[in-house]
Each structure stands twice: as structure tokens, then as C-alpha cells.
Protein backbone atom coordinates (compact mmCIF):
# COMPACT_ATOMS: atom_id res chain seq x y z
CA MET A 1 0.00 0.00 0.00
CA ALA A 2 2.89 2.39 0.76
CA HIS A 3 4.28 1.94 -2.76
CA TRP A 4 0.89 2.86 -4.29
CA ALA A 5 0.67 5.98 -2.10
CA THR A 6 4.20 7.03 -3.08
CA ALA A 7 3.54 6.42 -6.77
CA THR A 8 0.25 8.33 -6.59
CA ALA A 9 1.86 11.27 -4.79
CA SER A 10 4.60 11.33 -7.44
CA PHE A 11 1.98 11.22 -10.23
CA ILE A 12 0.11 14.14 -8.65
CA ARG A 13 3.31 16.21 -8.23
CA TRP A 14 4.35 15.51 -11.84
CA SER A 15 0.85 16.38 -13.05
CA CYS A 16 0.86 19.68 -11.14
CA ARG A 17 4.23 20.63 -12.64
CA LEU A 18 3.04 19.78 -16.13
CA TYR A 19 -0.22 21.67 -15.61
CA GLY A 20 1.75 24.69 -14.37
CA ALA A 21 3.87 24.56 -17.52
CA LEU A 22 0.77 24.27 -19.72
CA LEU A 23 -0.58 27.44 -18.16
CA MET A 24 2.03 29.22 -20.28
CA LEU A 25 -0.46 28.73 -23.14
CA TYR A 26 -2.78 31.23 -21.46
CA PRO A 27 -2.35 34.98 -22.02
CA SER A 28 0.00 36.53 -19.47
CA ALA A 29 -2.67 38.74 -17.87
CA LEU A 30 -4.84 35.69 -17.20
CA ARG A 31 -1.87 33.76 -15.77
CA ARG A 32 -0.89 36.62 -13.46
CA GLN A 33 -4.39 36.89 -12.10
CA PHE A 34 -5.41 33.24 -11.76
CA SER A 35 -2.49 30.79 -12.11
CA GLU A 36 -1.92 30.13 -8.40
CA GLU A 37 -5.59 29.36 -7.78
CA MET A 38 -5.80 27.27 -10.95
CA ILE A 39 -2.86 25.12 -9.86
CA GLU A 40 -4.33 24.76 -6.37
CA VAL A 41 -7.73 23.68 -7.71
CA PHE A 42 -6.05 21.28 -10.15
CA ALA A 43 -4.01 19.71 -7.33
CA ASP A 44 -7.16 19.29 -5.21
CA GLN A 45 -9.01 17.69 -8.13
CA MET A 46 -6.10 15.33 -8.81
CA ARG A 47 -5.85 14.30 -5.15
CA ASP A 48 -9.60 13.68 -4.87
CA ALA A 49 -9.79 11.78 -8.16
CA CYS A 50 -6.75 9.62 -7.36
CA GLU A 51 -8.03 8.82 -3.88
CA ARG A 52 -11.42 7.87 -5.29
CA ASP A 53 -10.46 6.09 -8.55
CA GLY A 54 -6.67 5.71 -8.61
CA TRP A 55 -4.74 6.46 -11.79
CA ALA A 56 -7.91 6.32 -13.88
CA GLY A 57 -9.34 9.17 -11.81
CA GLY A 58 -6.23 11.26 -12.40
CA MET A 59 -6.38 10.58 -16.11
CA GLY A 60 -10.03 11.63 -16.07
CA VAL A 61 -9.01 14.98 -14.61
CA TRP A 62 -6.41 15.32 -17.37
CA GLY A 63 -9.11 14.59 -19.95
CA CYS A 64 -11.23 17.47 -18.66
CA VAL A 65 -8.28 19.81 -18.25
CA SER A 66 -6.87 19.24 -21.73
CA GLY A 67 -10.11 20.32 -23.37
CA GLU A 68 -10.42 23.27 -21.02
CA ILE A 69 -6.86 24.42 -21.69
CA PHE A 70 -7.36 24.29 -25.44
CA CYS A 71 -10.71 26.09 -25.43
CA THR A 72 -9.85 28.73 -22.85
CA ALA A 73 -6.30 29.48 -23.99
CA PHE A 74 -7.26 29.52 -27.65
CA SER A 75 -10.33 31.71 -27.18
CA SER A 76 -8.48 34.07 -24.82
CA HIS A 77 -5.75 34.69 -27.37
CA LEU A 78 -8.33 35.19 -30.10
CA GLN A 79 -10.22 37.72 -27.96
CA ILE A 80 -7.02 39.70 -27.48
CA VAL A 81 -6.80 40.21 -31.23
CA GLY A 82 -10.55 40.68 -31.59
CA ILE A 83 -11.57 37.38 -33.19
CA SER A 84 -14.41 35.24 -31.84
CA PHE A 85 -13.79 31.59 -30.91
CA VAL A 86 -16.11 30.36 -33.70
CA SER A 87 -14.35 32.51 -36.30
CA GLY A 88 -11.00 31.24 -35.06
CA LEU A 89 -12.11 27.61 -35.36
CA ALA A 90 -13.47 28.28 -38.84
CA ALA A 91 -10.14 29.82 -39.87
CA LEU A 92 -8.25 26.88 -38.36
CA GLY A 93 -10.49 24.46 -40.28
CA LEU A 94 -9.94 26.31 -43.55
CA MET A 95 -6.19 26.37 -42.98
CA CYS A 96 -6.13 22.63 -42.24
CA SER A 97 -8.21 21.94 -45.36
CA PHE A 98 -5.84 24.05 -47.43
CA PHE A 99 -2.74 22.21 -46.17
CA TRP A 100 -4.43 18.85 -46.63
CA ALA A 101 -5.35 19.78 -50.21
CA ILE A 102 -1.79 20.90 -50.97
CA PHE A 103 0.27 18.30 -49.08
CA GLY A 104 -2.14 15.47 -48.29
CA GLN A 105 -2.81 14.28 -51.81
CA GLY A 106 0.45 12.31 -51.83
């Protein structure tokens, strides 16, 4: 049991470090204002999930966080330059279609 607790604590610490690094994707003003609380909430969620469901619980938290990071960071950067999230996704889709048409035809 002690080995599991040590491995889980290590997984949570590693996850918190990685999450803190991923916060660099957010605009700097958002990071300055909220990063400490975001890391604290993430750590609490990881601890609770790992205590309840083990590694699968921690991976579930990562599943939620990865989508949240993409949507929030992406839309925040778009708002800074005055583009809506939907317009940004449409532009990204067009760009991907363009590159697929040019390079994906083999």
C-alpha cells in the first residue's frame, strides 16, 4: 500500500508541474491573475480523483483539463486580437483543409 501511495503522490506532483507549464499557453494577464488558484484547484481535483479512482481518476481529470486548456487558452488569445472563438475555429479548419489539399494528396 505504501508503494501505491508514493507512486500516486509522485503522479500528482508531476501532473501539477506539467499543468503549471501548460498554463504558459494562457495569455500573461490571465496567468498573473489566476495561475496560483488554478494550480491549487487542479491539485485538489487530482488528489480527490486519485483517492477515489486511482490512476484512472487522475487521467479523467487530465481529460477534462486538456479540453479546457485548449478552449480557454485559444479563445483568450483570439479575444485579445478581436476574433471570436467560432471565427478562429473556422479559420483553423480552412487552414487545415488548405494544407491537406496541398500536401495530403500524396
